[in-house]
Amino acid sequence: MIKGLCKESLFEEALALLSEMEDNDCLPNIVTFETVIRALFEKDENDMAKKLLW
């Protein structure tokens, strides 16, 4: 689902879903974070991507 949101450039929704996962003790793995970060960089959303890296 997160990959689909990123593919459609719905990054706010993807980040909200990540947050909701964490709130429900369903911790995203490295593949999930890499998917979001890579999509953000590809769409020149560098500031958002950097926030996830820190």
N, C-alpha and C. Protein backbone atom coordinates (compact mmCIF):
# COMPACT_ATOMS: atom_id res chain seq x y z
N MET A 1 0.83 -1.18 0.00
CA MET A 1 0.00 0.00 0.00
C MET A 1 0.88 1.26 0.00
N ILE A 2 1.92 1.25 0.80
CA ILE A 2 2.82 2.40 0.87
C ILE A 2 3.49 2.63 -0.47
N LYS A 3 3.91 1.56 -1.12
CA LYS A 3 4.54 1.68 -2.44
C LYS A 3 3.58 2.31 -3.44
N GLY A 4 2.32 1.92 -3.40
CA GLY A 4 1.32 2.49 -4.29
C GLY A 4 1.10 3.97 -4.03
N LEU A 5 1.06 4.35 -2.76
CA LEU A 5 0.90 5.76 -2.43
C LEU A 5 2.10 6.57 -2.94
N CYS A 6 3.27 6.03 -2.77
CA CYS A 6 4.47 6.73 -3.24
C CYS A 6 4.48 6.81 -4.76
N LYS A 7 4.04 5.76 -5.42
CA LYS A 7 4.01 5.75 -6.88
C LYS A 7 3.10 6.85 -7.41
N GLU A 8 2.06 7.18 -6.67
CA GLU A 8 1.12 8.23 -7.06
C GLU A 8 1.50 9.59 -6.47
N SER A 9 2.68 9.66 -5.89
CA SER A 9 3.20 10.89 -5.26
C SER A 9 2.34 11.37 -4.10
N LEU A 10 1.70 10.46 -3.42
CA LEU A 10 0.89 10.77 -2.25
C LEU A 10 1.74 10.54 -0.99
N PHE A 11 2.76 11.37 -0.87
CA PHE A 11 3.75 11.16 0.18
C PHE A 11 3.21 11.46 1.58
N GLU A 12 2.38 12.45 1.71
CA GLU A 12 1.80 12.76 3.03
C GLU A 12 0.99 11.56 3.52
N GLU A 13 0.25 10.95 2.63
CA GLU A 13 -0.55 9.78 3.00
C GLU A 13 0.35 8.59 3.34
N ALA A 14 1.43 8.42 2.59
CA ALA A 14 2.37 7.33 2.87
C ALA A 14 3.02 7.51 4.24
N LEU A 15 3.41 8.75 4.54
CA LEU A 15 4.03 9.03 5.84
C LEU A 15 3.02 8.87 6.97
N ALA A 16 1.78 9.24 6.71
CA ALA A 16 0.73 9.05 7.72
C ALA A 16 0.52 7.57 7.99
N LEU A 17 0.57 6.76 6.94
CA LEU A 17 0.42 5.32 7.11
C LEU A 17 1.59 4.73 7.89
N LEU A 18 2.79 5.21 7.63
CA LEU A 18 3.95 4.77 8.42
C LEU A 18 3.74 5.08 9.90
N SER A 19 3.28 6.28 10.16
CA SER A 19 3.03 6.70 11.54
C SER A 19 1.94 5.84 12.18
N GLU A 20 0.90 5.57 11.43
CA GLU A 20 -0.20 4.74 11.95
C GLU A 20 0.29 3.32 12.24
N MET A 21 1.16 2.81 11.39
CA MET A 21 1.73 1.49 11.64
C MET A 21 2.48 1.48 12.96
N GLU A 22 3.31 2.49 13.18
CA GLU A 22 4.08 2.57 14.42
C GLU A 22 3.17 2.70 15.63
N ASP A 23 2.10 3.49 15.50
CA ASP A 23 1.15 3.67 16.59
C ASP A 23 0.46 2.36 16.97
N ASN A 24 0.33 1.45 16.00
CA ASN A 24 -0.33 0.17 16.23
C ASN A 24 0.66 -0.97 16.44
N ASP A 25 1.90 -0.61 16.81
CA ASP A 25 2.95 -1.58 17.09
C ASP A 25 3.23 -2.52 15.92
N CYS A 26 3.08 -2.01 14.72
CA CYS A 26 3.43 -2.75 13.51
C CYS A 26 4.58 -1.99 12.87
N LEU A 27 5.77 -2.23 13.39
CA LEU A 27 6.92 -1.44 12.97
C LEU A 27 7.33 -1.76 11.53
N PRO A 28 7.45 -0.71 10.72
CA PRO A 28 7.89 -0.92 9.34
C PRO A 28 9.34 -1.39 9.30
N ASN A 29 9.66 -2.22 8.33
CA ASN A 29 11.04 -2.70 8.22
C ASN A 29 11.84 -1.79 7.29
N ILE A 30 13.07 -2.14 7.09
CA ILE A 30 13.98 -1.32 6.30
C ILE A 30 13.51 -1.21 4.85
N VAL A 31 12.89 -2.25 4.32
CA VAL A 31 12.41 -2.22 2.94
C VAL A 31 11.31 -1.16 2.80
N THR A 32 10.46 -1.06 3.79
CA THR A 32 9.39 -0.07 3.75
C THR A 32 9.97 1.34 3.76
N PHE A 33 10.92 1.58 4.65
CA PHE A 33 11.54 2.90 4.71
C PHE A 33 12.30 3.21 3.42
N GLU A 34 13.01 2.22 2.88
CA GLU A 34 13.75 2.44 1.65
C GLU A 34 12.81 2.78 0.50
N THR A 35 11.68 2.14 0.44
CA THR A 35 10.69 2.42 -0.60
C THR A 35 10.26 3.87 -0.56
N VAL A 36 9.94 4.36 0.63
CA VAL A 36 9.48 5.74 0.78
C VAL A 36 10.62 6.71 0.48
N ILE A 37 11.77 6.47 1.04
CA ILE A 37 12.91 7.39 0.86
C ILE A 37 13.31 7.46 -0.61
N ARG A 38 13.40 6.33 -1.26
CA ARG A 38 13.78 6.30 -2.68
C ARG A 38 12.76 7.06 -3.53
N ALA A 39 11.48 6.84 -3.27
CA ALA A 39 10.43 7.54 -4.03
C ALA A 39 10.50 9.05 -3.79
N LEU A 40 10.76 9.45 -2.57
CA LEU A 40 10.87 10.87 -2.27
C LEU A 40 12.03 11.51 -3.04
N PHE A 41 13.18 10.87 -3.04
CA PHE A 41 14.32 11.41 -3.77
C PHE A 41 14.05 11.45 -5.28
N GLU A 42 13.38 10.43 -5.80
CA GLU A 42 13.08 10.39 -7.23
C GLU A 42 12.15 11.53 -7.65
N LYS A 43 11.30 11.98 -6.74
CA LYS A 43 10.35 13.05 -7.04
C LYS A 43 10.85 14.41 -6.54
N ASP A 44 12.14 14.50 -6.25
CA ASP A 44 12.76 15.74 -5.76
C ASP A 44 12.15 16.27 -4.47
N GLU A 45 11.68 15.37 -3.64
CA GLU A 45 11.18 15.73 -2.31
C GLU A 45 12.30 15.46 -1.31
N ASN A 46 13.45 16.10 -1.57
CA ASN A 46 14.65 15.81 -0.81
C ASN A 46 14.54 16.14 0.68
N ASP A 47 13.87 17.23 1.02
CA ASP A 47 13.73 17.60 2.42
C ASP A 47 12.96 16.53 3.20
N MET A 48 11.89 16.03 2.61
CA MET A 48 11.11 14.98 3.27
C MET A 48 11.95 13.72 3.44
N ALA A 49 12.70 13.37 2.41
CA ALA A 49 13.53 12.17 2.47
C ALA A 49 14.59 12.30 3.55
N LYS A 50 15.21 13.46 3.64
CA LYS A 50 16.25 13.67 4.64
C LYS A 50 15.69 13.56 6.06
N LYS A 51 14.46 14.01 6.27
CA LYS A 51 13.83 13.89 7.59
C LYS A 51 13.69 12.43 8.00
N LEU A 52 13.38 11.58 7.05
CA LEU A 52 13.25 10.15 7.37
C LEU A 52 14.61 9.52 7.66
N LEU A 53 15.64 10.05 7.04
CA LEU A 53 16.97 9.51 7.27
C LEU A 53 17.52 9.87 8.64
N TRP A 54 17.10 10.96 9.19
CA TRP A 54 17.59 11.40 10.49
C TRP A 54 16.67 10.94 11.53
